[in-house]
N, C-alpha and C. Protein backbone atom coordinates (compact mmCIF):
# COMPACT_ATOMS: atom_id res chain seq x y z
N MET A 1 0.83 -1.20 0.00
CA MET A 1 0.00 0.00 0.00
C MET A 1 0.87 1.25 0.00
N GLY A 2 0.46 2.27 -0.78
CA GLY A 2 1.17 3.54 -0.81
C GLY A 2 0.35 4.63 -0.15
N TRP A 3 1.04 5.70 0.27
CA TRP A 3 0.37 6.76 1.01
C TRP A 3 0.59 8.11 0.35
N LEU A 4 -0.48 8.91 0.27
CA LEU A 4 -0.42 10.25 -0.28
C LEU A 4 -0.95 11.26 0.73
N TYR A 5 -0.41 12.47 0.65
CA TYR A 5 -0.87 13.59 1.47
C TYR A 5 -1.74 14.48 0.58
N ILE A 6 -2.96 14.73 1.00
CA ILE A 6 -3.89 15.58 0.25
C ILE A 6 -4.18 16.80 1.11
N GLY A 7 -3.73 17.97 0.67
CA GLY A 7 -3.84 19.17 1.48
C GLY A 7 -4.56 20.31 0.78
N LYS A 8 -4.72 21.42 1.51
CA LYS A 8 -5.40 22.64 1.05
C LYS A 8 -6.87 22.36 0.73
N LEU A 9 -7.46 21.45 1.51
CA LEU A 9 -8.88 21.15 1.37
C LEU A 9 -9.69 22.10 2.24
N GLY A 10 -10.93 22.33 1.88
CA GLY A 10 -11.79 23.23 2.64
C GLY A 10 -12.03 22.75 4.07
N LYS A 11 -12.34 23.69 4.95
CA LYS A 11 -12.53 23.37 6.37
C LYS A 11 -13.68 22.40 6.61
N GLU A 12 -14.63 22.33 5.68
CA GLU A 12 -15.78 21.46 5.87
C GLU A 12 -15.56 20.06 5.29
N THR A 13 -14.39 19.84 4.67
CA THR A 13 -14.13 18.56 4.02
C THR A 13 -14.04 17.45 5.06
N THR A 14 -14.71 16.32 4.78
CA THR A 14 -14.68 15.18 5.69
C THR A 14 -14.05 13.97 5.01
N ARG A 15 -13.74 12.98 5.82
CA ARG A 15 -13.21 11.73 5.30
C ARG A 15 -14.18 11.13 4.29
N GLN A 16 -15.46 11.18 4.59
CA GLN A 16 -16.47 10.61 3.70
C GLN A 16 -16.52 11.34 2.36
N ASP A 17 -16.31 12.66 2.38
CA ASP A 17 -16.28 13.44 1.14
C ASP A 17 -15.19 12.92 0.21
N ILE A 18 -14.02 12.65 0.77
CA ILE A 18 -12.89 12.18 -0.04
C ILE A 18 -13.16 10.79 -0.59
N LEU A 19 -13.68 9.91 0.25
CA LEU A 19 -13.97 8.54 -0.20
C LEU A 19 -15.02 8.55 -1.31
N GLU A 20 -16.03 9.41 -1.18
CA GLU A 20 -17.05 9.48 -2.21
C GLU A 20 -16.49 10.05 -3.51
N TYR A 21 -15.61 11.05 -3.41
CA TYR A 21 -15.01 11.64 -4.61
C TYR A 21 -14.18 10.59 -5.35
N MET A 22 -13.43 9.80 -4.59
CA MET A 22 -12.59 8.77 -5.22
C MET A 22 -13.45 7.69 -5.86
N ALA A 23 -14.54 7.31 -5.20
CA ALA A 23 -15.43 6.30 -5.77
C ALA A 23 -16.06 6.80 -7.07
N GLU A 24 -16.46 8.07 -7.07
CA GLU A 24 -17.06 8.66 -8.28
C GLU A 24 -16.07 8.71 -9.44
N ASN A 25 -14.77 8.70 -9.11
CA ASN A 25 -13.74 8.77 -10.15
C ASN A 25 -13.07 7.43 -10.41
N GLY A 26 -13.76 6.35 -10.02
CA GLY A 26 -13.34 5.03 -10.46
C GLY A 26 -12.51 4.22 -9.50
N PHE A 27 -12.31 4.71 -8.27
CA PHE A 27 -11.52 3.94 -7.30
C PHE A 27 -12.47 3.08 -6.46
N THR A 28 -12.43 1.77 -6.72
CA THR A 28 -13.32 0.85 -6.02
C THR A 28 -12.58 -0.07 -5.06
N SER A 29 -11.24 0.00 -5.06
CA SER A 29 -10.45 -0.85 -4.17
C SER A 29 -10.45 -0.29 -2.75
N ARG A 30 -9.87 -1.05 -1.83
CA ARG A 30 -9.84 -0.65 -0.42
C ARG A 30 -9.01 0.61 -0.25
N ILE A 31 -9.55 1.61 0.46
CA ILE A 31 -8.88 2.89 0.66
C ILE A 31 -8.91 3.23 2.15
N ILE A 32 -7.78 3.71 2.65
CA ILE A 32 -7.70 4.20 4.02
C ILE A 32 -7.54 5.72 3.97
N CYS A 33 -8.33 6.43 4.74
CA CYS A 33 -8.29 7.90 4.72
C CYS A 33 -8.39 8.42 6.15
N ASP A 34 -7.37 9.20 6.59
CA ASP A 34 -7.35 9.76 7.94
C ASP A 34 -6.95 11.23 7.88
N MET A 35 -7.60 12.06 8.70
CA MET A 35 -7.22 13.46 8.79
C MET A 35 -5.89 13.59 9.53
N VAL A 36 -4.98 14.43 8.97
CA VAL A 36 -3.69 14.66 9.63
C VAL A 36 -3.50 16.11 10.04
N SER A 37 -4.35 17.01 9.54
CA SER A 37 -4.23 18.42 9.89
C SER A 37 -5.59 19.09 9.80
N ASP A 38 -5.92 19.87 10.85
CA ASP A 38 -7.17 20.63 10.86
C ASP A 38 -6.82 22.07 11.23
N GLY A 39 -6.39 22.83 10.22
CA GLY A 39 -5.94 24.19 10.45
C GLY A 39 -7.08 25.18 10.51
N GLU A 40 -6.72 26.45 10.63
CA GLU A 40 -7.75 27.49 10.75
C GLU A 40 -8.54 27.68 9.47
N VAL A 41 -7.88 27.45 8.32
CA VAL A 41 -8.57 27.71 7.04
C VAL A 41 -8.65 26.48 6.14
N SER A 42 -8.01 25.38 6.51
CA SER A 42 -8.02 24.21 5.62
C SER A 42 -7.75 22.94 6.41
N ARG A 43 -7.96 21.83 5.73
CA ARG A 43 -7.70 20.52 6.31
C ARG A 43 -6.80 19.71 5.37
N ALA A 44 -6.16 18.67 5.93
CA ALA A 44 -5.32 17.77 5.14
C ALA A 44 -5.57 16.34 5.61
N PHE A 45 -5.44 15.40 4.67
CA PHE A 45 -5.68 13.99 4.96
C PHE A 45 -4.52 13.17 4.39
N LYS A 46 -4.31 12.00 4.97
CA LYS A 46 -3.43 11.02 4.35
C LYS A 46 -4.30 9.89 3.82
N ILE A 47 -3.93 9.40 2.63
CA ILE A 47 -4.74 8.39 1.96
C ILE A 47 -3.85 7.19 1.63
N GLY A 48 -4.29 6.02 2.04
CA GLY A 48 -3.60 4.79 1.70
C GLY A 48 -4.34 4.04 0.60
N ILE A 49 -3.63 3.74 -0.49
CA ILE A 49 -4.25 3.07 -1.63
C ILE A 49 -3.30 2.00 -2.16
N PRO A 50 -3.80 1.02 -2.91
CA PRO A 50 -2.92 0.01 -3.52
C PRO A 50 -1.85 0.67 -4.39
N LEU A 51 -0.67 0.08 -4.39
CA LEU A 51 0.46 0.68 -5.11
C LEU A 51 0.18 0.88 -6.59
N GLN A 52 -0.59 -0.01 -7.18
CA GLN A 52 -0.84 0.11 -8.63
C GLN A 52 -1.67 1.34 -8.98
N ASP A 53 -2.32 1.94 -7.96
CA ASP A 53 -3.15 3.11 -8.23
C ASP A 53 -2.46 4.43 -7.90
N ILE A 54 -1.25 4.36 -7.33
CA ILE A 54 -0.56 5.58 -6.88
C ILE A 54 -0.33 6.56 -8.01
N GLU A 55 0.17 6.08 -9.14
CA GLU A 55 0.53 6.98 -10.24
C GLU A 55 -0.69 7.75 -10.73
N ARG A 56 -1.81 7.07 -10.83
CA ARG A 56 -3.01 7.73 -11.32
C ARG A 56 -3.49 8.81 -10.35
N MET A 57 -3.46 8.49 -9.04
CA MET A 57 -3.96 9.45 -8.06
C MET A 57 -2.97 10.58 -7.81
N HIS A 58 -1.66 10.28 -7.90
CA HIS A 58 -0.64 11.31 -7.68
C HIS A 58 -0.49 12.12 -8.96
N ASN A 59 -1.55 12.79 -9.33
CA ASN A 59 -1.60 13.54 -10.58
C ASN A 59 -2.52 14.74 -10.36
N GLU A 60 -2.03 15.92 -10.68
CA GLU A 60 -2.81 17.14 -10.44
C GLU A 60 -4.16 17.12 -11.15
N SER A 61 -4.22 16.46 -12.30
CA SER A 61 -5.46 16.46 -13.07
C SER A 61 -6.56 15.64 -12.40
N PHE A 62 -6.17 14.76 -11.47
CA PHE A 62 -7.19 13.94 -10.79
C PHE A 62 -7.95 14.76 -9.76
N TRP A 63 -7.28 15.73 -9.14
CA TRP A 63 -7.87 16.47 -8.03
C TRP A 63 -8.41 17.84 -8.49
N PRO A 64 -9.36 18.39 -7.77
CA PRO A 64 -9.86 19.74 -8.10
C PRO A 64 -8.73 20.77 -8.06
N THR A 65 -8.92 21.89 -8.71
CA THR A 65 -7.90 22.95 -8.78
C THR A 65 -7.49 23.40 -7.39
N ASN A 66 -6.17 23.64 -7.23
CA ASN A 66 -5.55 24.17 -6.01
C ASN A 66 -5.43 23.15 -4.88
N ILE A 67 -5.84 21.89 -5.10
CA ILE A 67 -5.63 20.85 -4.08
C ILE A 67 -4.20 20.35 -4.18
N MET A 68 -3.53 20.20 -3.04
CA MET A 68 -2.15 19.71 -3.02
C MET A 68 -2.12 18.20 -2.84
N CYS A 69 -1.34 17.52 -3.67
CA CYS A 69 -1.16 16.07 -3.55
C CYS A 69 0.33 15.76 -3.63
N ARG A 70 0.84 15.08 -2.62
CA ARG A 70 2.25 14.69 -2.60
C ARG A 70 2.37 13.39 -1.81
N PRO A 71 3.51 12.69 -1.91
CA PRO A 71 3.70 11.50 -1.08
C PRO A 71 3.64 11.85 0.40
N PHE A 72 3.02 11.00 1.17
CA PHE A 72 2.95 11.20 2.62
C PHE A 72 4.16 10.55 3.26
N ARG A 73 4.84 11.32 4.09
CA ARG A 73 6.03 10.81 4.78
C ARG A 73 5.76 10.78 6.27
N GLN A 74 5.79 9.60 6.83
CA GLN A 74 5.55 9.46 8.25
C GLN A 74 6.71 10.07 9.03
N PRO A 75 6.43 10.95 9.99
CA PRO A 75 7.52 11.54 10.77
C PRO A 75 8.26 10.48 11.59
N TRP A 76 9.56 10.68 11.71
CA TRP A 76 10.36 9.81 12.56
C TRP A 76 10.16 10.21 14.01
N LYS A 77 10.23 9.24 14.92
CA LYS A 77 10.23 9.52 16.34
C LYS A 77 11.48 8.89 16.94
N TYR A 78 12.22 9.70 17.67
CA TYR A 78 13.50 9.25 18.22
C TYR A 78 13.50 9.57 19.71
N GLU A 79 13.61 8.55 20.54
CA GLU A 79 13.53 8.76 21.97
C GLU A 79 14.91 8.98 22.58
N VAL A 80 15.01 10.03 23.37
CA VAL A 80 16.23 10.34 24.10
C VAL A 80 15.86 10.42 25.57
N GLY A 81 16.23 9.40 26.33
CA GLY A 81 15.83 9.36 27.72
C GLY A 81 14.32 9.31 27.80
N GLU A 82 13.73 10.22 28.56
CA GLU A 82 12.28 10.27 28.70
C GLU A 82 11.65 11.23 27.69
N CYS A 83 12.46 11.80 26.81
CA CYS A 83 11.95 12.76 25.82
C CYS A 83 11.58 12.04 24.53
N ASN A 84 10.56 12.53 23.88
CA ASN A 84 10.14 12.01 22.59
C ASN A 84 10.45 13.06 21.54
N ILE A 85 11.50 12.81 20.75
CA ILE A 85 11.96 13.78 19.76
C ILE A 85 11.35 13.44 18.40
N LYS A 86 10.74 14.43 17.76
CA LYS A 86 10.15 14.21 16.44
C LYS A 86 11.05 14.80 15.36
N LEU A 87 11.33 13.98 14.36
CA LEU A 87 12.22 14.39 13.28
C LEU A 87 11.51 14.22 11.94
N MET A 88 11.79 15.15 11.02
CA MET A 88 11.24 15.08 9.67
C MET A 88 12.38 14.99 8.67
N ASN A 89 12.24 14.11 7.69
CA ASN A 89 13.17 14.00 6.57
C ASN A 89 12.35 14.14 5.30
N TRP A 90 12.58 15.24 4.54
CA TRP A 90 11.69 15.54 3.41
C TRP A 90 12.48 16.17 2.28
N ASN A 91 12.29 15.62 1.07
CA ASN A 91 12.84 16.23 -0.14
C ASN A 91 11.83 17.28 -0.63
N VAL A 92 12.02 18.53 -0.21
CA VAL A 92 10.98 19.55 -0.41
C VAL A 92 10.93 20.10 -1.83
N GLU A 93 12.04 19.97 -2.58
CA GLU A 93 12.10 20.47 -3.95
C GLU A 93 11.71 21.95 -4.02
N GLY A 94 12.33 22.73 -3.14
CA GLY A 94 12.08 24.17 -3.10
C GLY A 94 11.36 24.58 -1.83
N LEU A 95 12.14 25.07 -0.84
CA LEU A 95 11.55 25.42 0.46
C LEU A 95 10.60 26.61 0.33
N ARG A 96 10.95 27.58 -0.48
CA ARG A 96 10.09 28.75 -0.62
C ARG A 96 8.71 28.36 -1.14
N GLY A 97 8.67 27.47 -2.12
CA GLY A 97 7.39 27.04 -2.66
C GLY A 97 6.54 26.33 -1.62
N VAL A 98 7.17 25.51 -0.78
CA VAL A 98 6.43 24.81 0.27
C VAL A 98 5.81 25.82 1.24
N LEU A 99 6.60 26.81 1.66
CA LEU A 99 6.10 27.80 2.61
C LEU A 99 4.99 28.66 2.00
N ASN A 100 5.06 28.88 0.69
CA ASN A 100 4.04 29.71 0.03
C ASN A 100 2.72 28.97 -0.17
N THR A 101 2.78 27.64 -0.28
CA THR A 101 1.57 26.88 -0.59
C THR A 101 0.93 26.22 0.61
N MET A 102 1.70 25.99 1.67
CA MET A 102 1.14 25.34 2.85
C MET A 102 0.28 26.32 3.64
N PRO A 103 -0.93 25.91 4.04
CA PRO A 103 -1.79 26.81 4.79
C PRO A 103 -1.32 27.05 6.22
N GLU A 104 -0.49 26.14 6.75
CA GLU A 104 0.03 26.32 8.09
C GLU A 104 1.49 25.86 8.10
N ASN A 105 2.18 26.20 9.17
CA ASN A 105 3.58 25.82 9.30
C ASN A 105 3.65 24.35 9.71
N ILE A 106 3.84 23.46 8.74
CA ILE A 106 3.84 22.03 9.03
C ILE A 106 5.09 21.59 9.78
N PHE A 107 6.09 22.48 9.87
CA PHE A 107 7.33 22.12 10.55
C PHE A 107 7.25 22.34 12.06
N SER A 108 6.22 23.04 12.52
CA SER A 108 6.17 23.47 13.91
C SER A 108 6.10 22.32 14.90
N ASP A 109 5.62 21.16 14.46
CA ASP A 109 5.49 20.01 15.36
C ASP A 109 6.78 19.21 15.50
N TYR A 110 7.81 19.58 14.77
CA TYR A 110 9.03 18.77 14.73
C TYR A 110 10.19 19.48 15.42
N ASP A 111 11.00 18.68 16.10
CA ASP A 111 12.17 19.22 16.80
C ASP A 111 13.35 19.40 15.85
N VAL A 112 13.47 18.49 14.90
CA VAL A 112 14.55 18.55 13.91
C VAL A 112 13.97 18.22 12.54
N CYS A 113 14.31 19.00 11.53
CA CYS A 113 13.89 18.72 10.15
C CYS A 113 15.11 18.76 9.25
N ILE A 114 15.27 17.75 8.41
CA ILE A 114 16.28 17.75 7.36
C ILE A 114 15.53 17.87 6.03
N LEU A 115 15.76 18.98 5.33
CA LEU A 115 15.05 19.28 4.10
C LEU A 115 16.05 19.31 2.94
N THR A 116 15.91 18.40 2.00
CA THR A 116 16.82 18.33 0.87
C THR A 116 16.21 19.01 -0.35
N GLU A 117 17.09 19.38 -1.29
CA GLU A 117 16.71 20.18 -2.46
C GLU A 117 15.90 21.40 -2.02
N ALA A 118 16.40 22.06 -0.98
CA ALA A 118 15.70 23.24 -0.45
C ALA A 118 15.82 24.43 -1.38
N SER A 119 16.84 24.43 -2.26
CA SER A 119 17.02 25.48 -3.27
C SER A 119 17.21 26.86 -2.65
N VAL A 120 17.83 26.93 -1.49
CA VAL A 120 18.13 28.21 -0.84
C VAL A 120 19.53 28.65 -1.25
N THR A 121 19.67 29.90 -1.67
CA THR A 121 20.98 30.44 -2.04
C THR A 121 21.33 31.62 -1.14
N GLU A 122 22.55 32.10 -1.27
CA GLU A 122 22.99 33.24 -0.45
C GLU A 122 22.16 34.49 -0.73
N THR A 123 21.64 34.61 -1.94
CA THR A 123 20.86 35.80 -2.30
C THR A 123 19.35 35.59 -2.17
N THR A 124 18.94 34.36 -1.89
CA THR A 124 17.51 34.07 -1.73
C THR A 124 17.29 33.28 -0.44
N ILE A 125 17.68 33.87 0.67
CA ILE A 125 17.55 33.19 1.96
C ILE A 125 16.08 32.99 2.31
N VAL A 126 15.74 31.79 2.72
CA VAL A 126 14.39 31.46 3.18
C VAL A 126 14.53 30.82 4.56
N ASN A 127 13.86 31.38 5.56
CA ASN A 127 13.93 30.83 6.91
C ASN A 127 12.54 30.45 7.40
N VAL A 128 12.50 29.38 8.18
CA VAL A 128 11.26 28.89 8.77
C VAL A 128 11.13 29.43 10.18
N GLU A 129 10.02 30.07 10.47
CA GLU A 129 9.82 30.65 11.79
C GLU A 129 9.68 29.55 12.85
N GLY A 130 10.19 29.84 14.05
CA GLY A 130 10.06 28.90 15.15
C GLY A 130 11.20 27.91 15.26
N HIS A 131 12.17 27.98 14.35
CA HIS A 131 13.33 27.09 14.35
C HIS A 131 14.60 27.89 14.09
N TYR A 132 15.71 27.37 14.57
CA TYR A 132 17.00 27.81 14.05
C TYR A 132 17.15 27.19 12.66
N ASN A 133 17.65 27.97 11.71
CA ASN A 133 17.81 27.51 10.33
C ASN A 133 19.29 27.44 9.97
N VAL A 134 19.73 26.28 9.54
CA VAL A 134 21.11 26.09 9.07
C VAL A 134 21.04 25.62 7.63
N HIS A 135 21.67 26.36 6.72
CA HIS A 135 21.58 26.04 5.29
C HIS A 135 22.95 25.69 4.72
N THR A 136 22.97 24.71 3.82
CA THR A 136 24.06 24.61 2.86
C THR A 136 23.44 24.99 1.52
N PHE A 137 24.03 25.98 0.86
CA PHE A 137 23.36 26.64 -0.25
C PHE A 137 23.32 25.80 -1.52
N ALA A 138 22.26 26.00 -2.28
CA ALA A 138 22.10 25.35 -3.58
C ALA A 138 23.00 26.02 -4.61
N THR A 139 23.18 25.34 -5.73
CA THR A 139 23.98 25.85 -6.83
C THR A 139 23.05 26.45 -7.89
N GLN A 140 23.31 27.70 -8.26
CA GLN A 140 22.48 28.36 -9.27
C GLN A 140 23.00 28.00 -10.66
N GLU A 141 22.20 27.26 -11.42
CA GLU A 141 22.56 26.91 -12.78
C GLU A 141 22.29 28.09 -13.71
N LEU A 142 22.73 27.99 -14.97
CA LEU A 142 22.51 29.05 -15.93
C LEU A 142 21.03 29.25 -16.19
N ARG A 143 20.28 28.16 -16.15
CA ARG A 143 18.84 28.23 -16.37
C ARG A 143 18.12 27.48 -15.25
N GLY A 144 16.89 27.90 -15.02
CA GLY A 144 16.08 27.19 -14.05
C GLY A 144 16.37 27.59 -12.62
N ARG A 145 15.74 26.87 -11.70
CA ARG A 145 15.87 27.17 -10.29
C ARG A 145 17.20 26.65 -9.75
N PRO A 146 17.64 27.12 -8.60
CA PRO A 146 18.86 26.59 -7.98
C PRO A 146 18.73 25.09 -7.73
N ALA A 147 19.85 24.39 -7.82
CA ALA A 147 19.84 22.93 -7.67
C ALA A 147 20.45 22.51 -6.35
N GLY A 148 19.77 21.56 -5.69
CA GLY A 148 20.32 20.97 -4.46
C GLY A 148 20.10 21.84 -3.24
N GLY A 149 21.02 21.71 -2.31
CA GLY A 149 20.93 22.45 -1.05
C GLY A 149 20.26 21.64 0.04
N VAL A 150 20.76 21.79 1.25
CA VAL A 150 20.19 21.10 2.42
C VAL A 150 19.92 22.14 3.50
N THR A 151 18.77 22.05 4.14
CA THR A 151 18.44 22.91 5.27
C THR A 151 18.14 22.05 6.49
N CYS A 152 18.73 22.42 7.61
CA CYS A 152 18.49 21.75 8.88
C CYS A 152 17.74 22.72 9.80
N LEU A 153 16.57 22.32 10.27
CA LEU A 153 15.78 23.12 11.20
C LEU A 153 15.89 22.53 12.60
N LEU A 154 16.15 23.39 13.58
CA LEU A 154 16.32 22.95 14.96
C LEU A 154 15.47 23.81 15.88
N LYS A 155 14.67 23.17 16.71
CA LYS A 155 13.93 23.91 17.72
C LYS A 155 14.88 24.35 18.84
N ALA A 156 14.42 25.32 19.62
CA ALA A 156 15.25 25.84 20.70
C ALA A 156 15.65 24.77 21.70
N THR A 157 14.83 23.72 21.84
CA THR A 157 15.14 22.64 22.78
C THR A 157 16.36 21.84 22.35
N MET A 158 16.78 22.00 21.11
CA MET A 158 17.97 21.29 20.62
C MET A 158 19.26 22.07 20.88
N SER A 159 19.14 23.27 21.40
CA SER A 159 20.32 24.07 21.70
C SER A 159 20.87 23.67 23.08
N PRO A 160 22.17 23.94 23.30
CA PRO A 160 23.08 24.59 22.36
C PRO A 160 23.49 23.63 21.24
N PHE A 161 23.80 24.22 20.09
CA PHE A 161 24.26 23.39 18.98
C PHE A 161 25.43 24.08 18.29
N LYS A 162 26.17 23.27 17.54
CA LYS A 162 27.34 23.78 16.82
C LYS A 162 27.36 23.15 15.43
N VAL A 163 27.54 23.99 14.40
CA VAL A 163 27.67 23.49 13.04
C VAL A 163 29.10 22.99 12.85
N MET A 164 29.24 21.70 12.60
CA MET A 164 30.56 21.07 12.49
C MET A 164 31.01 20.91 11.04
N THR A 165 30.06 20.71 10.13
CA THR A 165 30.36 20.58 8.71
C THR A 165 29.27 21.27 7.92
N ASN A 166 29.68 22.07 6.93
CA ASN A 166 28.73 22.73 6.06
C ASN A 166 29.38 22.82 4.68
N SER A 167 29.09 21.82 3.83
CA SER A 167 29.69 21.75 2.51
C SER A 167 28.60 21.67 1.46
N ASP A 168 29.00 21.43 0.20
CA ASP A 168 28.03 21.39 -0.88
C ASP A 168 26.96 20.32 -0.68
N ASN A 169 27.34 19.21 -0.08
CA ASN A 169 26.42 18.09 0.04
C ASN A 169 25.92 17.83 1.45
N LEU A 170 26.59 18.40 2.44
CA LEU A 170 26.38 17.95 3.80
C LEU A 170 26.21 19.09 4.80
N ILE A 171 25.36 18.84 5.79
CA ILE A 171 25.31 19.65 7.00
C ILE A 171 25.45 18.70 8.17
N MET A 172 26.38 18.97 9.07
CA MET A 172 26.49 18.18 10.29
C MET A 172 26.45 19.13 11.48
N VAL A 173 25.53 18.86 12.40
CA VAL A 173 25.31 19.73 13.55
C VAL A 173 25.40 18.90 14.81
N LYS A 174 26.20 19.38 15.76
CA LYS A 174 26.25 18.77 17.10
C LYS A 174 25.20 19.47 17.95
N ALA A 175 24.13 18.73 18.30
CA ALA A 175 23.01 19.32 19.04
C ALA A 175 22.82 18.59 20.36
N ALA A 176 21.79 18.99 21.10
CA ALA A 176 21.56 18.44 22.43
C ALA A 176 21.30 16.94 22.41
N LEU A 177 20.64 16.44 21.35
CA LEU A 177 20.31 15.02 21.31
C LEU A 177 21.42 14.17 20.73
N GLY A 178 22.43 14.79 20.12
CA GLY A 178 23.52 14.06 19.48
C GLY A 178 23.96 14.80 18.23
N THR A 179 24.54 14.05 17.31
CA THR A 179 25.02 14.64 16.06
C THR A 179 24.05 14.34 14.93
N ILE A 180 23.64 15.39 14.23
CA ILE A 180 22.68 15.27 13.13
C ILE A 180 23.42 15.52 11.83
N LEU A 181 23.32 14.58 10.90
CA LEU A 181 23.99 14.69 9.61
C LEU A 181 22.94 14.65 8.51
N GLY A 182 22.80 15.76 7.79
CA GLY A 182 21.87 15.83 6.66
C GLY A 182 22.65 15.86 5.36
N ALA A 183 22.24 15.04 4.40
CA ALA A 183 23.01 14.90 3.16
C ALA A 183 22.09 14.87 1.95
N TYR A 184 22.59 15.46 0.85
CA TYR A 184 21.91 15.36 -0.44
C TYR A 184 22.96 15.07 -1.50
N PHE A 185 22.77 13.96 -2.21
CA PHE A 185 23.68 13.60 -3.29
C PHE A 185 22.90 13.45 -4.58
N ARG A 186 23.37 14.09 -5.61
CA ARG A 186 22.69 14.02 -6.91
C ARG A 186 22.82 12.62 -7.49
N PRO A 187 21.93 12.26 -8.42
CA PRO A 187 21.95 10.91 -9.00
C PRO A 187 23.28 10.54 -9.65
N GLU A 188 24.02 11.53 -10.15
CA GLU A 188 25.27 11.20 -10.83
C GLU A 188 26.41 10.87 -9.86
N CYS A 189 26.21 11.09 -8.57
CA CYS A 189 27.25 10.76 -7.59
C CYS A 189 27.36 9.24 -7.45
N SER A 190 28.58 8.74 -7.42
CA SER A 190 28.80 7.30 -7.27
C SER A 190 28.71 6.91 -5.80
N ALA A 191 28.50 5.61 -5.56
CA ALA A 191 28.44 5.11 -4.19
C ALA A 191 29.76 5.37 -3.48
N VAL A 192 30.87 5.27 -4.21
CA VAL A 192 32.18 5.52 -3.61
C VAL A 192 32.29 6.96 -3.12
N ASP A 193 31.85 7.91 -3.95
CA ASP A 193 31.90 9.32 -3.56
C ASP A 193 31.03 9.59 -2.34
N ILE A 194 29.85 8.98 -2.32
CA ILE A 194 28.93 9.19 -1.20
C ILE A 194 29.53 8.66 0.09
N ILE A 195 30.03 7.44 0.05
CA ILE A 195 30.61 6.84 1.25
C ILE A 195 31.82 7.63 1.73
N GLU A 196 32.63 8.10 0.79
CA GLU A 196 33.81 8.88 1.16
C GLU A 196 33.42 10.18 1.85
N ASN A 197 32.44 10.89 1.29
CA ASN A 197 32.00 12.14 1.88
C ASN A 197 31.38 11.94 3.26
N LEU A 198 30.55 10.92 3.39
CA LEU A 198 29.95 10.63 4.69
C LEU A 198 31.01 10.23 5.71
N GLY A 199 31.95 9.43 5.27
CA GLY A 199 33.01 8.98 6.18
C GLY A 199 33.85 10.14 6.70
N GLN A 200 34.19 11.07 5.81
CA GLN A 200 34.99 12.23 6.23
C GLN A 200 34.24 13.07 7.25
N ALA A 201 32.92 13.23 7.04
CA ALA A 201 32.13 14.01 7.99
C ALA A 201 32.02 13.30 9.34
N LEU A 202 31.74 12.00 9.29
CA LEU A 202 31.55 11.25 10.54
C LEU A 202 32.83 11.13 11.34
N ASN A 203 33.97 11.25 10.69
CA ASN A 203 35.25 11.23 11.42
C ASN A 203 35.37 12.41 12.38
N ASN A 204 34.60 13.48 12.10
CA ASN A 204 34.65 14.67 12.96
C ASN A 204 33.60 14.64 14.07
N ALA A 205 32.75 13.61 14.08
CA ALA A 205 31.72 13.51 15.10
C ALA A 205 32.28 12.88 16.36
N PRO A 206 31.80 13.29 17.52
CA PRO A 206 32.25 12.65 18.77
C PRO A 206 31.98 11.15 18.74
N ARG A 207 32.94 10.36 19.16
CA ARG A 207 32.86 8.91 19.03
C ARG A 207 31.70 8.30 19.81
N THR A 208 31.32 8.91 20.92
CA THR A 208 30.28 8.34 21.77
C THR A 208 28.91 8.95 21.51
N ASP A 209 28.81 9.82 20.53
CA ASP A 209 27.55 10.51 20.27
C ASP A 209 26.55 9.63 19.53
N ARG A 210 25.27 9.90 19.76
CA ARG A 210 24.24 9.37 18.88
C ARG A 210 24.39 10.05 17.52
N ILE A 211 24.22 9.29 16.45
CA ILE A 211 24.30 9.84 15.10
C ILE A 211 22.95 9.66 14.41
N ILE A 212 22.39 10.74 13.90
CA ILE A 212 21.17 10.67 13.10
C ILE A 212 21.52 11.10 11.68
N LEU A 213 21.38 10.18 10.74
CA LEU A 213 21.70 10.43 9.33
C LEU A 213 20.39 10.49 8.55
N ALA A 214 20.18 11.58 7.81
CA ALA A 214 18.96 11.74 7.03
C ALA A 214 19.30 12.45 5.73
N GLY A 215 18.37 12.36 4.78
CA GLY A 215 18.58 13.05 3.50
C GLY A 215 18.33 12.12 2.33
N ILE A 216 19.02 12.39 1.22
CA ILE A 216 18.89 11.56 0.01
C ILE A 216 20.27 11.03 -0.35
N LEU A 217 20.38 9.71 -0.31
CA LEU A 217 21.63 9.03 -0.67
C LEU A 217 21.34 8.20 -1.92
N THR A 218 21.36 8.84 -3.06
CA THR A 218 20.79 8.26 -4.28
C THR A 218 21.43 6.96 -4.70
N ALA A 219 22.75 6.87 -4.62
CA ALA A 219 23.44 5.72 -5.19
C ALA A 219 23.49 4.52 -4.26
N ILE A 220 22.99 4.68 -3.02
CA ILE A 220 23.09 3.56 -2.06
C ILE A 220 21.79 2.78 -2.04
């Protein structure tokens, strides 16, 4: 079963409304639908459907205008002592676009977020309110939007923290819960290059620290 996030729905939208819409459009297989966000002006749901139907439903033409559809990513939960730390790992494909289209700050519930392909540059800084923002900047190509970039979001509870590595592919931060390593590697990167870069970064991490590795490791 695959999962999709359906957002920017009207405040009156119910689970039954979505199930009826899908049935009217030819989906007769078993569907799971749960609300995941009930904001001031909109609602969002996660939908579980058979994998063979994902491609058809993950299509803007299937949904009414202005409805957001993307893969649903279950947040990570990482326990430190008696604390329950929530972490997000998301390939946002442009942080500014996410912030402009989301009806609410979806990052506010998370203590740590690793956002890949954030497309933030030195001249187009984008920061998320309520978090410390650490960026490794994207590369501006001759045409199109900036490529790559990693952003690490940290709530105040993760302080004090120290940025230990900030390179083209990697951000490594020593925070209260341990060492956080966020990485983005383009498809053309070889497994050898990826392992070498990760190894060099991890050599600088405290030996006894917890290590949280997140991001996109394409060749592995």
